[in-house]
Amino acid sequence: MINLDERYHNYLTNPEKKFRIDGIGERVRGYGYHCEDGDIAGHYVMTDNYKLFYDRQEQFVRKEALKVAETLTSK
């Protein structure tokens, strides 16, 4: 299993360091392990706009948008 602190902690402590997603620099806000059926399935990295999931072999699985679209107008 990978050491997440070793891999991602610099992203939290250095505001200039960005995580590249589709060519755009994103600030890392957190990271951790995720479970499925009670077993560790992999890890995630959370940025300002996305939560990215990786499997135990460190292969990208999926990304989820964190921000909900706002309504265009309010009455």
C-alpha atoms as a PDB file:
ATOM      1  CA  MET A   1       0.000   0.000   0.000  1.00  0.00           C
ATOM      2  CA  ILE A   2       1.324   3.447  -0.830  1.00  0.00           C
ATOM      3  CA  ASN A   3       2.233   6.069   1.745  1.00  0.00           C
ATOM      4  CA  LEU A   4      -0.240   8.866   0.991  1.00  0.00           C
ATOM      5  CA  ASP A   5       1.580  11.420   3.146  1.00  0.00           C
ATOM      6  CA  GLU A   6       4.788  10.793   1.232  1.00  0.00           C
ATOM      7  CA  ARG A   7       3.007  11.220  -2.083  1.00  0.00           C
ATOM      8  CA  TYR A   8       0.554  14.103  -1.440  1.00  0.00           C
ATOM      9  CA  HIS A   9       1.523  16.037   1.720  1.00  0.00           C
ATOM     10  CA  ASN A  10       3.626  18.554  -0.271  1.00  0.00           C
ATOM     11  CA  TYR A  11       0.474  19.554  -2.148  1.00  0.00           C
ATOM     12  CA  LEU A  12      -1.118  20.606   1.159  1.00  0.00           C
ATOM     13  CA  THR A  13       1.865  22.506   2.543  1.00  0.00           C
ATOM     14  CA  ASN A  14       3.000  24.243  -0.652  1.00  0.00           C
ATOM     15  CA  PRO A  15       0.230  26.494  -2.056  1.00  0.00           C
ATOM     16  CA  GLU A  16       2.151  26.896  -5.331  1.00  0.00           C
ATOM     17  CA  LYS A  17       2.119  23.144  -6.064  1.00  0.00           C
ATOM     18  CA  LYS A  18      -0.895  22.093  -8.141  1.00  0.00           C
ATOM     19  CA  PHE A  19      -2.422  18.716  -9.028  1.00  0.00           C
ATOM     20  CA  ARG A  20      -3.005  18.502 -12.802  1.00  0.00           C
ATOM     21  CA  ILE A  21      -6.500  17.452 -13.893  1.00  0.00           C
ATOM     22  CA  ASP A  22      -7.224  17.642 -17.615  1.00  0.00           C
ATOM     23  CA  GLY A  23      -4.385  20.171 -17.972  1.00  0.00           C
ATOM     24  CA  ILE A  24      -5.696  22.488 -15.244  1.00  0.00           C
ATOM     25  CA  GLY A  25      -3.878  23.056 -11.942  1.00  0.00           C
ATOM     26  CA  GLU A  26      -6.038  22.252  -8.897  1.00  0.00           C
ATOM     27  CA  ARG A  27      -5.147  22.770  -5.234  1.00  0.00           C
ATOM     28  CA  VAL A  28      -5.210  19.569  -3.193  1.00  0.00           C
ATOM     29  CA  ARG A  29      -7.487  19.866  -0.150  1.00  0.00           C
ATOM     30  CA  GLY A  30      -7.199  16.342   1.242  1.00  0.00           C
ATOM     31  CA  TYR A  31      -6.543  12.688   0.587  1.00  0.00           C
ATOM     32  CA  GLY A  32      -7.209   9.340   2.187  1.00  0.00           C
ATOM     33  CA  TYR A  33      -8.136   5.712   1.705  1.00  0.00           C
ATOM     34  CA  HIS A  34     -11.573   4.612   0.564  1.00  0.00           C
ATOM     35  CA  CYS A  35     -13.320   1.347   1.356  1.00  0.00           C
ATOM     36  CA  GLU A  36     -15.739  -0.910  -0.453  1.00  0.00           C
ATOM     37  CA  ASP A  37     -17.484  -3.735   1.418  1.00  0.00           C
ATOM     38  CA  GLY A  38     -15.264  -3.172   4.461  1.00  0.00           C
ATOM     39  CA  ASP A  39     -11.954  -3.525   2.607  1.00  0.00           C
ATOM     40  CA  ILE A  40      -9.594  -0.798   1.451  1.00  0.00           C
ATOM     41  CA  ALA A  41     -10.272  -0.428  -2.272  1.00  0.00           C
ATOM     42  CA  GLY A  42      -7.781   2.345  -2.971  1.00  0.00           C
ATOM     43  CA  HIS A  43      -7.281   6.007  -2.207  1.00  0.00           C
ATOM     44  CA  TYR A  44      -8.756   9.372  -3.128  1.00  0.00           C
ATOM     45  CA  VAL A  45      -7.415  12.869  -3.676  1.00  0.00           C
ATOM     46  CA  MET A  46      -9.740  15.830  -3.092  1.00  0.00           C
ATOM     47  CA  THR A  47      -9.132  19.142  -4.865  1.00  0.00           C
ATOM     48  CA  ASP A  48     -11.125  22.372  -4.944  1.00  0.00           C
ATOM     49  CA  ASN A  49     -13.471  20.955  -7.566  1.00  0.00           C
ATOM     50  CA  TYR A  50     -13.070  17.167  -7.730  1.00  0.00           C
ATOM     51  CA  LYS A  51     -12.642  13.979  -5.762  1.00  0.00           C
ATOM     52  CA  LEU A  52     -10.443  11.558  -7.713  1.00  0.00           C
ATOM     53  CA  PHE A  53     -10.473   7.844  -6.934  1.00  0.00           C
ATOM     54  CA  TYR A  54      -7.599   5.403  -7.504  1.00  0.00           C
ATOM     55  CA  ASP A  55      -7.495   1.641  -7.032  1.00  0.00           C
ATOM     56  CA  ARG A  56      -4.945  -0.292  -4.966  1.00  0.00           C
ATOM     57  CA  GLN A  57      -2.617  -0.459  -7.982  1.00  0.00           C
ATOM     58  CA  GLU A  58      -2.646   3.370  -8.115  1.00  0.00           C
ATOM     59  CA  GLN A  59      -4.646   3.407 -11.354  1.00  0.00           C
ATOM     60  CA  PHE A  60      -7.190   6.188 -11.862  1.00  0.00           C
ATOM     61  CA  VAL A  61     -10.767   4.910 -11.509  1.00  0.00           C
ATOM     62  CA  ARG A  62     -13.085   7.932 -11.632  1.00  0.00           C
ATOM     63  CA  LYS A  63     -13.576  11.567 -10.711  1.00  0.00           C
ATOM     64  CA  GLU A  64     -16.574  13.194  -9.089  1.00  0.00           C
ATOM     65  CA  ALA A  65     -17.378  16.897  -9.268  1.00  0.00           C
ATOM     66  CA  LEU A  66     -17.712  18.408  -5.780  1.00  0.00           C
ATOM     67  CA  LYS A  67     -19.531  21.647  -6.521  1.00  0.00           C
ATOM     68  CA  VAL A  68     -23.189  21.623  -7.383  1.00  0.00           C
ATOM     69  CA  ALA A  69     -24.217  23.839 -10.266  1.00  0.00           C
ATOM     70  CA  GLU A  70     -25.906  27.008  -9.080  1.00  0.00           C
ATOM     71  CA  THR A  71     -29.208  28.201 -10.485  1.00  0.00           C
ATOM     72  CA  LEU A  72     -28.868  30.781 -13.227  1.00  0.00           C
ATOM     73  CA  THR A  73     -31.475  33.142 -11.881  1.00  0.00           C
ATOM     74  CA  SER A  74     -33.445  33.457  -8.692  1.00  0.00           C
ATOM     75  CA  LYS A  75     -36.901  34.926  -8.401  1.00  0.00           C
END
